[in-house]
Amino acid sequence: MNDNTEVIPLDADTLEVRYYDAGRPGKYRCWKIPLHEARDIARWWAETGSRAGADRPPRDAQRVGSIVVSFLSANQVYALGCDERGWSNITGYQLPRDAVVFLGAWLDQDEGGAGMEEKKKRGYF
C-alpha cells in the first residue's frame, strides 16, 4: 500500500480515488470512477500492467471489460470508459501508477472483506 492514495466509496456504484502528490494531508488530485470501471482497471493491472517493464511500458491500448487502458509513461496509466458497443465515453482517467496499484489492492480487500453493502451500513456513503 502507499500513503499517497485513498479510495472513498461515494455510493454503491461510484468510487473516488484521491492521490496526494506530496503526501497527506494536503492537496490532491481525484477521480470519480464507476465501480465496474474501477474493477476493470484493477483487472488490467493484475493481468497486464503489473508485469510491464518500468523502463519501457507498452503504449498500445488494451480493451478490458468496459475500458480501454494504456500507459502514457512509466508512471502514468490512462483508462477510457467505453459503452456496451465499444465506443469511447467522454470520461477518461489519467492515474498515477501507484494509485492503480492501490485501487487494485483496495478492491481485492473489498471483495474479500466488507462488501459495498456492509460499507454502506457502516456509514462510508
N, C-alpha and C. Protein backbone atom coordinates (compact mmCIF):
# COMPACT_ATOMS: atom_id res chain seq x y z
N MET A 1 0.84 -1.17 0.00
CA MET A 1 0.00 0.00 0.00
C MET A 1 0.89 1.24 0.00
N ASN A 2 0.26 2.39 -0.21
CA ASN A 2 1.02 3.63 -0.16
C ASN A 2 0.24 4.69 0.61
N ASP A 3 0.96 5.67 1.09
CA ASP A 3 0.34 6.73 1.89
C ASP A 3 -0.19 7.87 1.05
N ASN A 4 0.01 7.81 -0.26
CA ASN A 4 -0.41 8.91 -1.12
C ASN A 4 -1.77 8.69 -1.76
N THR A 5 -2.38 7.54 -1.56
CA THR A 5 -3.64 7.22 -2.23
C THR A 5 -4.69 6.78 -1.23
N GLU A 6 -5.94 7.18 -1.49
CA GLU A 6 -7.06 6.65 -0.73
C GLU A 6 -8.24 6.47 -1.67
N VAL A 7 -9.10 5.53 -1.33
CA VAL A 7 -10.30 5.26 -2.10
C VAL A 7 -11.49 5.50 -1.19
N ILE A 8 -12.45 6.28 -1.67
CA ILE A 8 -13.63 6.61 -0.88
C ILE A 8 -14.87 6.21 -1.66
N PRO A 9 -15.67 5.28 -1.13
CA PRO A 9 -16.93 4.95 -1.80
C PRO A 9 -17.91 6.12 -1.68
N LEU A 10 -18.40 6.60 -2.80
CA LEU A 10 -19.35 7.71 -2.80
C LEU A 10 -20.78 7.20 -2.71
N ASP A 11 -21.04 6.10 -3.36
CA ASP A 11 -22.32 5.40 -3.29
C ASP A 11 -22.05 3.96 -3.71
N ALA A 12 -23.10 3.18 -3.89
CA ALA A 12 -22.92 1.75 -4.18
C ALA A 12 -22.26 1.50 -5.53
N ASP A 13 -22.24 2.50 -6.42
CA ASP A 13 -21.72 2.30 -7.76
C ASP A 13 -20.57 3.21 -8.15
N THR A 14 -20.09 4.07 -7.25
CA THR A 14 -19.07 5.05 -7.59
C THR A 14 -18.02 5.16 -6.49
N LEU A 15 -16.75 5.21 -6.93
CA LEU A 15 -15.63 5.40 -6.01
C LEU A 15 -14.93 6.71 -6.35
N GLU A 16 -14.35 7.33 -5.34
CA GLU A 16 -13.47 8.46 -5.58
C GLU A 16 -12.06 8.02 -5.21
N VAL A 17 -11.15 8.14 -6.16
CA VAL A 17 -9.74 7.81 -5.93
C VAL A 17 -9.01 9.13 -5.74
N ARG A 18 -8.35 9.29 -4.60
CA ARG A 18 -7.59 10.51 -4.31
C ARG A 18 -6.11 10.18 -4.30
N TYR A 19 -5.32 11.03 -4.94
CA TYR A 19 -3.87 10.86 -4.95
C TYR A 19 -3.22 12.15 -4.49
N TYR A 20 -2.47 12.06 -3.40
CA TYR A 20 -1.78 13.20 -2.80
C TYR A 20 -0.35 13.22 -3.31
N ASP A 21 0.00 14.23 -4.11
CA ASP A 21 1.35 14.29 -4.68
C ASP A 21 2.43 14.42 -3.61
N ALA A 22 2.15 15.21 -2.57
CA ALA A 22 3.15 15.46 -1.53
C ALA A 22 2.79 14.77 -0.22
N GLY A 23 1.96 13.76 -0.26
CA GLY A 23 1.56 13.06 0.95
C GLY A 23 0.39 13.74 1.63
N ARG A 24 -0.19 13.01 2.57
CA ARG A 24 -1.35 13.53 3.30
C ARG A 24 -0.90 14.30 4.52
N PRO A 25 -1.63 15.22 5.03
CA PRO A 25 -2.73 15.92 4.38
C PRO A 25 -2.17 16.89 3.37
N GLY A 26 -3.01 17.39 2.53
CA GLY A 26 -2.57 18.36 1.53
C GLY A 26 -3.44 18.30 0.30
N LYS A 27 -2.97 18.94 -0.73
CA LYS A 27 -3.71 18.97 -1.98
C LYS A 27 -3.65 17.61 -2.64
N TYR A 28 -4.71 17.30 -3.35
CA TYR A 28 -4.76 16.01 -4.03
C TYR A 28 -5.48 16.13 -5.36
N ARG A 29 -5.23 15.18 -6.22
CA ARG A 29 -5.99 15.02 -7.46
C ARG A 29 -6.99 13.90 -7.20
N CYS A 30 -8.16 14.00 -7.80
CA CYS A 30 -9.14 12.94 -7.57
C CYS A 30 -9.91 12.61 -8.84
N TRP A 31 -10.39 11.38 -8.87
CA TRP A 31 -11.16 10.85 -9.99
C TRP A 31 -12.37 10.13 -9.44
N LYS A 32 -13.55 10.42 -9.99
CA LYS A 32 -14.76 9.68 -9.65
C LYS A 32 -14.93 8.62 -10.72
N ILE A 33 -14.88 7.37 -10.28
CA ILE A 33 -14.86 6.25 -11.21
C ILE A 33 -16.00 5.30 -10.88
N PRO A 34 -16.82 4.94 -11.88
CA PRO A 34 -17.85 3.93 -11.64
C PRO A 34 -17.19 2.62 -11.18
N LEU A 35 -17.83 1.93 -10.26
CA LEU A 35 -17.26 0.72 -9.68
C LEU A 35 -16.89 -0.31 -10.73
N HIS A 36 -17.73 -0.51 -11.75
CA HIS A 36 -17.42 -1.52 -12.77
C HIS A 36 -16.17 -1.14 -13.56
N GLU A 37 -15.94 0.15 -13.80
CA GLU A 37 -14.72 0.58 -14.50
C GLU A 37 -13.51 0.45 -13.59
N ALA A 38 -13.67 0.75 -12.31
CA ALA A 38 -12.57 0.58 -11.36
C ALA A 38 -12.13 -0.88 -11.29
N ARG A 39 -13.11 -1.80 -11.29
CA ARG A 39 -12.78 -3.23 -11.27
C ARG A 39 -12.04 -3.64 -12.54
N ASP A 40 -12.43 -3.06 -13.68
CA ASP A 40 -11.75 -3.38 -14.94
C ASP A 40 -10.33 -2.83 -14.97
N ILE A 41 -10.12 -1.63 -14.41
CA ILE A 41 -8.77 -1.07 -14.30
C ILE A 41 -7.91 -1.98 -13.43
N ALA A 42 -8.46 -2.41 -12.29
CA ALA A 42 -7.72 -3.31 -11.39
C ALA A 42 -7.43 -4.65 -12.06
N ARG A 43 -8.38 -5.15 -12.83
CA ARG A 43 -8.17 -6.43 -13.54
C ARG A 43 -7.06 -6.28 -14.58
N TRP A 44 -7.07 -5.16 -15.32
CA TRP A 44 -6.00 -4.91 -16.28
C TRP A 44 -4.65 -4.87 -15.57
N TRP A 45 -4.60 -4.20 -14.42
CA TRP A 45 -3.34 -4.12 -13.68
C TRP A 45 -2.86 -5.52 -13.28
N ALA A 46 -3.77 -6.32 -12.75
CA ALA A 46 -3.40 -7.67 -12.29
C ALA A 46 -2.95 -8.56 -13.44
N GLU A 47 -3.60 -8.44 -14.59
CA GLU A 47 -3.30 -9.32 -15.72
C GLU A 47 -2.15 -8.84 -16.58
N THR A 48 -1.97 -7.52 -16.72
CA THR A 48 -1.01 -7.00 -17.69
C THR A 48 -0.10 -5.92 -17.13
N GLY A 49 -0.71 -4.89 -16.55
CA GLY A 49 0.04 -3.71 -16.15
C GLY A 49 1.17 -3.96 -15.17
N SER A 50 0.95 -4.84 -14.22
CA SER A 50 1.97 -5.08 -13.18
C SER A 50 3.22 -5.75 -13.75
N ARG A 51 3.09 -6.41 -14.89
CA ARG A 51 4.24 -7.08 -15.49
C ARG A 51 4.95 -6.22 -16.54
N ALA A 52 4.44 -5.02 -16.78
CA ALA A 52 5.05 -4.14 -17.77
C ALA A 52 6.39 -3.64 -17.26
N GLY A 53 7.34 -3.57 -18.13
CA GLY A 53 8.66 -3.08 -17.75
C GLY A 53 8.61 -1.61 -17.41
N ALA A 54 9.14 -1.24 -16.28
CA ALA A 54 9.09 0.16 -15.83
C ALA A 54 9.88 1.07 -16.77
N ASP A 55 10.93 0.54 -17.40
CA ASP A 55 11.74 1.39 -18.26
C ASP A 55 11.08 1.64 -19.62
N ARG A 56 10.30 0.68 -20.13
CA ARG A 56 9.62 0.86 -21.42
C ARG A 56 8.26 0.18 -21.38
N PRO A 57 7.28 0.78 -20.73
CA PRO A 57 5.95 0.16 -20.66
C PRO A 57 5.29 0.18 -22.04
N PRO A 58 4.44 -0.81 -22.32
CA PRO A 58 3.74 -0.82 -23.60
C PRO A 58 2.75 0.34 -23.69
N ARG A 59 2.68 0.96 -24.84
CA ARG A 59 1.77 2.09 -25.02
C ARG A 59 0.52 1.69 -25.79
N ASP A 60 0.48 0.49 -26.31
CA ASP A 60 -0.70 0.05 -27.05
C ASP A 60 -1.88 -0.11 -26.11
N ALA A 61 -3.01 0.47 -26.51
CA ALA A 61 -4.21 0.39 -25.70
C ALA A 61 -4.77 -1.03 -25.73
N GLN A 62 -5.29 -1.46 -24.58
CA GLN A 62 -5.89 -2.79 -24.45
C GLN A 62 -7.30 -2.65 -23.93
N ARG A 63 -8.20 -3.37 -24.54
CA ARG A 63 -9.60 -3.38 -24.08
C ARG A 63 -9.73 -4.43 -22.99
N VAL A 64 -10.26 -4.01 -21.84
CA VAL A 64 -10.52 -4.90 -20.72
C VAL A 64 -11.91 -4.55 -20.19
N GLY A 65 -12.88 -5.42 -20.44
CA GLY A 65 -14.24 -5.16 -19.98
C GLY A 65 -14.79 -3.87 -20.54
N SER A 66 -15.07 -2.93 -19.67
CA SER A 66 -15.72 -1.68 -20.06
C SER A 66 -14.75 -0.52 -20.29
N ILE A 67 -13.45 -0.81 -20.36
CA ILE A 67 -12.46 0.25 -20.51
C ILE A 67 -11.41 -0.10 -21.56
N VAL A 68 -10.71 0.93 -22.02
CA VAL A 68 -9.51 0.78 -22.83
C VAL A 68 -8.40 1.41 -22.01
N VAL A 69 -7.30 0.68 -21.81
CA VAL A 69 -6.24 1.13 -20.91
C VAL A 69 -4.90 1.13 -21.63
N SER A 70 -4.06 2.11 -21.31
CA SER A 70 -2.70 2.14 -21.83
C SER A 70 -1.82 2.93 -20.87
N PHE A 71 -0.51 2.76 -21.02
CA PHE A 71 0.45 3.56 -20.27
C PHE A 71 0.72 4.83 -21.05
N LEU A 72 0.69 5.99 -20.40
CA LEU A 72 1.14 7.23 -21.02
C LEU A 72 2.64 7.38 -20.85
N SER A 73 3.13 6.91 -19.71
CA SER A 73 4.55 6.89 -19.39
C SER A 73 4.76 5.77 -18.39
N ALA A 74 5.96 5.63 -17.89
CA ALA A 74 6.23 4.56 -16.92
C ALA A 74 5.42 4.73 -15.64
N ASN A 75 5.00 5.95 -15.34
CA ASN A 75 4.30 6.21 -14.08
C ASN A 75 2.87 6.71 -14.26
N GLN A 76 2.36 6.74 -15.47
CA GLN A 76 1.01 7.24 -15.72
C GLN A 76 0.21 6.23 -16.55
N VAL A 77 -0.98 5.91 -16.07
CA VAL A 77 -1.88 4.99 -16.75
C VAL A 77 -3.09 5.78 -17.23
N TYR A 78 -3.51 5.53 -18.46
CA TYR A 78 -4.69 6.20 -18.99
C TYR A 78 -5.78 5.16 -19.24
N ALA A 79 -6.94 5.38 -18.67
CA ALA A 79 -8.09 4.48 -18.85
C ALA A 79 -9.25 5.29 -19.40
N LEU A 80 -9.91 4.74 -20.39
CA LEU A 80 -11.03 5.40 -21.04
C LEU A 80 -12.22 4.47 -21.02
N GLY A 81 -13.33 4.94 -20.43
CA GLY A 81 -14.53 4.13 -20.37
C GLY A 81 -15.15 3.96 -21.76
N CYS A 82 -15.82 2.83 -21.97
CA CYS A 82 -16.48 2.53 -23.24
C CYS A 82 -17.91 2.08 -22.97
N ASP A 83 -18.78 2.31 -23.95
CA ASP A 83 -20.14 1.81 -23.81
C ASP A 83 -20.19 0.34 -24.23
N GLU A 84 -21.39 -0.23 -24.20
CA GLU A 84 -21.53 -1.67 -24.49
C GLU A 84 -21.16 -2.03 -25.92
N ARG A 85 -21.13 -1.05 -26.84
CA ARG A 85 -20.73 -1.31 -28.22
C ARG A 85 -19.24 -1.12 -28.45
N GLY A 86 -18.53 -0.64 -27.43
CA GLY A 86 -17.10 -0.41 -27.55
C GLY A 86 -16.74 1.02 -27.93
N TRP A 87 -17.72 1.89 -28.03
CA TRP A 87 -17.46 3.28 -28.35
C TRP A 87 -16.94 4.00 -27.10
N SER A 88 -15.98 4.87 -27.29
CA SER A 88 -15.37 5.59 -26.17
C SER A 88 -16.35 6.57 -25.54
N ASN A 89 -16.35 6.59 -24.22
CA ASN A 89 -17.08 7.61 -23.48
C ASN A 89 -16.25 8.88 -23.46
N ILE A 90 -16.83 9.94 -23.02
CA ILE A 90 -16.09 11.20 -22.93
C ILE A 90 -15.10 11.14 -21.76
N THR A 91 -15.45 10.42 -20.71
CA THR A 91 -14.65 10.41 -19.49
C THR A 91 -13.47 9.44 -19.58
N GLY A 92 -12.30 9.97 -19.25
CA GLY A 92 -11.09 9.15 -19.15
C GLY A 92 -10.40 9.48 -17.84
N TYR A 93 -9.49 8.63 -17.44
CA TYR A 93 -8.80 8.79 -16.16
C TYR A 93 -7.30 8.66 -16.38
N GLN A 94 -6.55 9.70 -16.06
CA GLN A 94 -5.10 9.64 -16.12
C GLN A 94 -4.62 9.46 -14.69
N LEU A 95 -4.29 8.22 -14.35
CA LEU A 95 -3.97 7.86 -12.97
C LEU A 95 -2.49 7.58 -12.79
N PRO A 96 -1.92 8.02 -11.68
CA PRO A 96 -0.56 7.61 -11.36
C PRO A 96 -0.51 6.10 -11.15
N ARG A 97 0.57 5.49 -11.54
CA ARG A 97 0.75 4.04 -11.40
C ARG A 97 0.48 3.59 -9.96
N ASP A 98 0.98 4.35 -8.98
CA ASP A 98 0.78 3.99 -7.57
C ASP A 98 -0.70 3.97 -7.20
N ALA A 99 -1.49 4.87 -7.79
CA ALA A 99 -2.92 4.90 -7.50
C ALA A 99 -3.62 3.67 -8.07
N VAL A 100 -3.18 3.21 -9.24
CA VAL A 100 -3.75 2.00 -9.84
C VAL A 100 -3.43 0.78 -8.98
N VAL A 101 -2.19 0.69 -8.50
CA VAL A 101 -1.79 -0.41 -7.62
C VAL A 101 -2.65 -0.40 -6.35
N PHE A 102 -2.81 0.77 -5.75
CA PHE A 102 -3.60 0.89 -4.53
C PHE A 102 -5.05 0.53 -4.79
N LEU A 103 -5.62 1.01 -5.90
CA LEU A 103 -7.00 0.71 -6.24
C LEU A 103 -7.22 -0.79 -6.35
N GLY A 104 -6.31 -1.49 -7.02
CA GLY A 104 -6.42 -2.95 -7.14
C GLY A 104 -6.40 -3.63 -5.78
N ALA A 105 -5.48 -3.21 -4.92
CA ALA A 105 -5.39 -3.80 -3.58
C ALA A 105 -6.64 -3.49 -2.76
N TRP A 106 -7.14 -2.28 -2.88
CA TRP A 106 -8.34 -1.88 -2.14
C TRP A 106 -9.54 -2.70 -2.60
N LEU A 107 -9.70 -2.88 -3.89
CA LEU A 107 -10.81 -3.68 -4.40
C LEU A 107 -10.68 -5.14 -4.02
N ASP A 108 -9.46 -5.68 -4.02
CA ASP A 108 -9.25 -7.07 -3.57
C ASP A 108 -9.66 -7.21 -2.12
N GLN A 109 -9.30 -6.25 -1.29
CA GLN A 109 -9.67 -6.26 0.12
C GLN A 109 -11.18 -6.15 0.26
N ASP A 110 -11.81 -5.31 -0.57
CA ASP A 110 -13.25 -5.12 -0.52
C ASP A 110 -13.97 -6.41 -0.90
N GLU A 111 -13.48 -7.10 -1.92
CA GLU A 111 -14.11 -8.35 -2.35
C GLU A 111 -13.98 -9.43 -1.29
N GLY A 112 -12.85 -9.43 -0.58
CA GLY A 112 -12.62 -10.47 0.41
C GLY A 112 -13.16 -10.13 1.79
N GLY A 113 -13.41 -8.86 2.02
CA GLY A 113 -13.85 -8.44 3.34
C GLY A 113 -15.23 -7.82 3.28
N ALA A 114 -15.35 -6.66 3.86
CA ALA A 114 -16.64 -5.97 3.89
C ALA A 114 -17.01 -5.51 2.48
N GLY A 115 -18.12 -5.99 1.96
CA GLY A 115 -18.58 -5.58 0.64
C GLY A 115 -19.16 -4.18 0.68
N MET A 116 -19.61 -3.71 -0.47
CA MET A 116 -20.14 -2.36 -0.57
C MET A 116 -21.37 -2.17 0.32
N GLU A 117 -22.21 -3.19 0.42
CA GLU A 117 -23.41 -3.06 1.27
C GLU A 117 -23.01 -2.91 2.74
N GLU A 118 -22.01 -3.68 3.16
CA GLU A 118 -21.54 -3.57 4.54
C GLU A 118 -20.94 -2.19 4.79
N LYS A 119 -20.19 -1.66 3.82
CA LYS A 119 -19.62 -0.33 3.98
C LYS A 119 -20.73 0.71 4.06
N LYS A 120 -21.81 0.50 3.31
CA LYS A 120 -22.93 1.42 3.36
C LYS A 120 -23.54 1.42 4.77
N LYS A 121 -23.68 0.24 5.37
CA LYS A 121 -24.22 0.14 6.72
C LYS A 121 -23.32 0.86 7.73
N ARG A 122 -22.02 0.81 7.50
CA ARG A 122 -21.07 1.44 8.41
C ARG A 122 -20.98 2.95 8.22
N GLY A 123 -21.69 3.46 7.21
CA GLY A 123 -21.70 4.91 7.01
C GLY A 123 -20.62 5.46 6.13
N TYR A 124 -19.95 4.59 5.33
CA TYR A 124 -18.93 5.10 4.42
C TYR A 124 -19.53 5.94 3.32
N PHE A 125 -20.80 5.71 2.97
CA PHE A 125 -21.50 6.51 1.98
C PHE A 125 -22.98 6.38 2.18
